Amino acid sequence: KELLKTVKFAEMAIVYGNRYRSSNTEVEMGLISASKAFYKGDYKNSLEIVLNTLNIVEPGIHKKLLSKMEKEV
């Protein structure tokens, strides 16, 4: 059950981060790394990478995305 939450959270964060991909090269590189980890099945690392990346452009994004995910469950 925890693995599924991690997978869903990582995927949601990557999709959310796509809005910044074209405007910030550092975010784009982070999203590429997070996506590669995700596709390799390293979901925990993918989530960590994407949250650290998004924190560059939206400090505190972890709480916002977590709240959004909890509403969907």
Protein backbone atom coordinates (compact mmCIF):
# COMPACT_ATOMS: atom_id res chain seq x y z
CA LYS A 1 0.00 0.00 0.00
CA GLU A 2 2.86 2.41 0.82
CA LEU A 3 4.52 1.63 -2.51
CA LEU A 4 1.35 2.57 -4.38
CA LYS A 5 1.17 5.88 -2.52
CA THR A 6 4.79 6.60 -3.39
CA VAL A 7 4.21 5.74 -7.06
CA LYS A 8 1.11 7.92 -7.25
CA PHE A 9 2.78 10.81 -5.44
CA ALA A 10 5.89 10.68 -7.66
CA GLU A 11 3.80 10.54 -10.83
CA MET A 12 1.58 13.42 -9.71
CA ALA A 13 4.62 15.54 -8.81
CA ILE A 14 6.27 14.89 -12.18
CA VAL A 15 3.08 15.83 -14.04
CA TYR A 16 2.72 18.94 -11.87
CA GLY A 17 6.33 19.91 -12.55
CA ASN A 18 5.84 19.80 -16.30
CA ARG A 19 4.37 23.32 -16.12
CA TYR A 20 7.87 24.63 -15.27
CA ARG A 21 9.80 22.47 -17.71
CA SER A 22 10.04 25.01 -20.52
CA SER A 23 10.79 28.02 -18.33
CA ASN A 24 13.57 26.61 -16.14
CA THR A 25 16.37 24.38 -17.39
CA GLU A 26 17.32 23.26 -13.87
CA VAL A 27 13.75 22.03 -13.37
CA GLU A 28 13.79 20.33 -16.75
CA MET A 29 16.96 18.42 -15.86
CA GLY A 30 15.50 17.42 -12.50
CA LEU A 31 12.30 16.19 -14.12
CA ILE A 32 14.29 14.16 -16.62
CA SER A 33 16.24 12.53 -13.78
CA ALA A 34 13.06 11.89 -11.79
CA SER A 35 11.35 10.37 -14.83
CA LYS A 36 14.30 8.07 -15.52
CA ALA A 37 14.28 6.85 -11.91
CA PHE A 38 10.51 6.37 -12.10
CA TYR A 39 10.71 4.26 -15.25
CA LYS A 40 13.44 2.13 -13.67
CA GLY A 41 11.09 1.43 -10.75
CA ASP A 42 13.03 3.54 -8.25
CA TYR A 43 9.94 5.41 -7.11
CA LYS A 44 11.29 6.65 -3.80
CA ASN A 45 14.33 8.22 -5.46
CA SER A 46 12.14 9.63 -8.21
CA LEU A 47 9.89 11.28 -5.64
CA GLU A 48 12.83 12.72 -3.76
CA ILE A 49 14.36 14.15 -6.95
CA VAL A 50 11.14 15.70 -8.20
CA LEU A 51 10.24 17.26 -4.84
CA ASN A 52 13.72 18.76 -4.46
CA THR A 53 13.51 20.03 -8.03
CA LEU A 54 10.08 21.61 -7.60
CA ASN A 55 11.19 23.21 -4.36
CA ILE A 56 13.47 25.42 -6.48
CA VAL A 57 10.50 27.17 -8.10
CA GLU A 58 7.84 26.58 -5.44
CA PRO A 59 9.24 26.38 -1.92
CA GLY A 60 7.04 24.21 0.27
CA ILE A 61 5.51 22.35 -2.67
CA HIS A 62 5.71 19.05 -0.77
CA LYS A 63 2.85 20.07 1.55
CA LYS A 64 0.71 21.37 -1.29
CA LEU A 65 1.06 18.18 -3.35
CA LEU A 66 0.57 15.95 -0.32
CA SER A 67 -2.64 17.79 0.53
CA LYS A 68 -3.84 17.44 -3.06
CA MET A 69 -3.08 13.72 -3.06
CA GLU A 70 -4.88 13.12 0.23
CA LYS A 71 -8.01 14.80 -1.16
CA GLU A 72 -7.99 12.41 -4.13
CA VAL A 73 -7.78 9.28 -1.96
